[in-house]
């Protein structure tokens, strides 16, 4: 599981970084084109939106893995370790269920996108809509990964208590 985790982590990180640099290049082209009246790059706004959405879909699962989302842990910190583990496991199960629903809806949305194209680039919109599926698959993987990690951590802490 750790090898798969490292591979997916690397894949998501590299993909997000590549999209980020492509976004910067496209935005710089857009800025430069403003100062050249003869040059109109109408497609840059749309392409930058595509890159931005892909950055989010690659980065969101990583944020979930590393617990980088904003959270309020005022009450959470007051619980003991066992209660925290139960809350973490429950949270991972809820995220898993929610993300499965997002995956199913995203798949339907992507199928709808097969019938249309983007206005400026004339790309099939299912490319844009596939980001929902990429996000969902990554988040499902990390919710299962975090569940297993938390569950095994709680079992180890119980084993240590029994030995004492």
Foldseek 3Di string as FASTA:
>chain_A
DVVVVVVLLVVLVVLLVVLVVVLVVLVVVVVVQVVPVVDDDPCSVVSNVLSVLLNCLSVVLVCVLVVVDDDDCPVVVVDDLLVNLVVLLVVLVVQLVVLVVLLVVLVVVLVVQQVAADDPPRHRCSSSSCSSNSSSVSNNVSSVVSNVVSVVVSVVVVVVVVVD
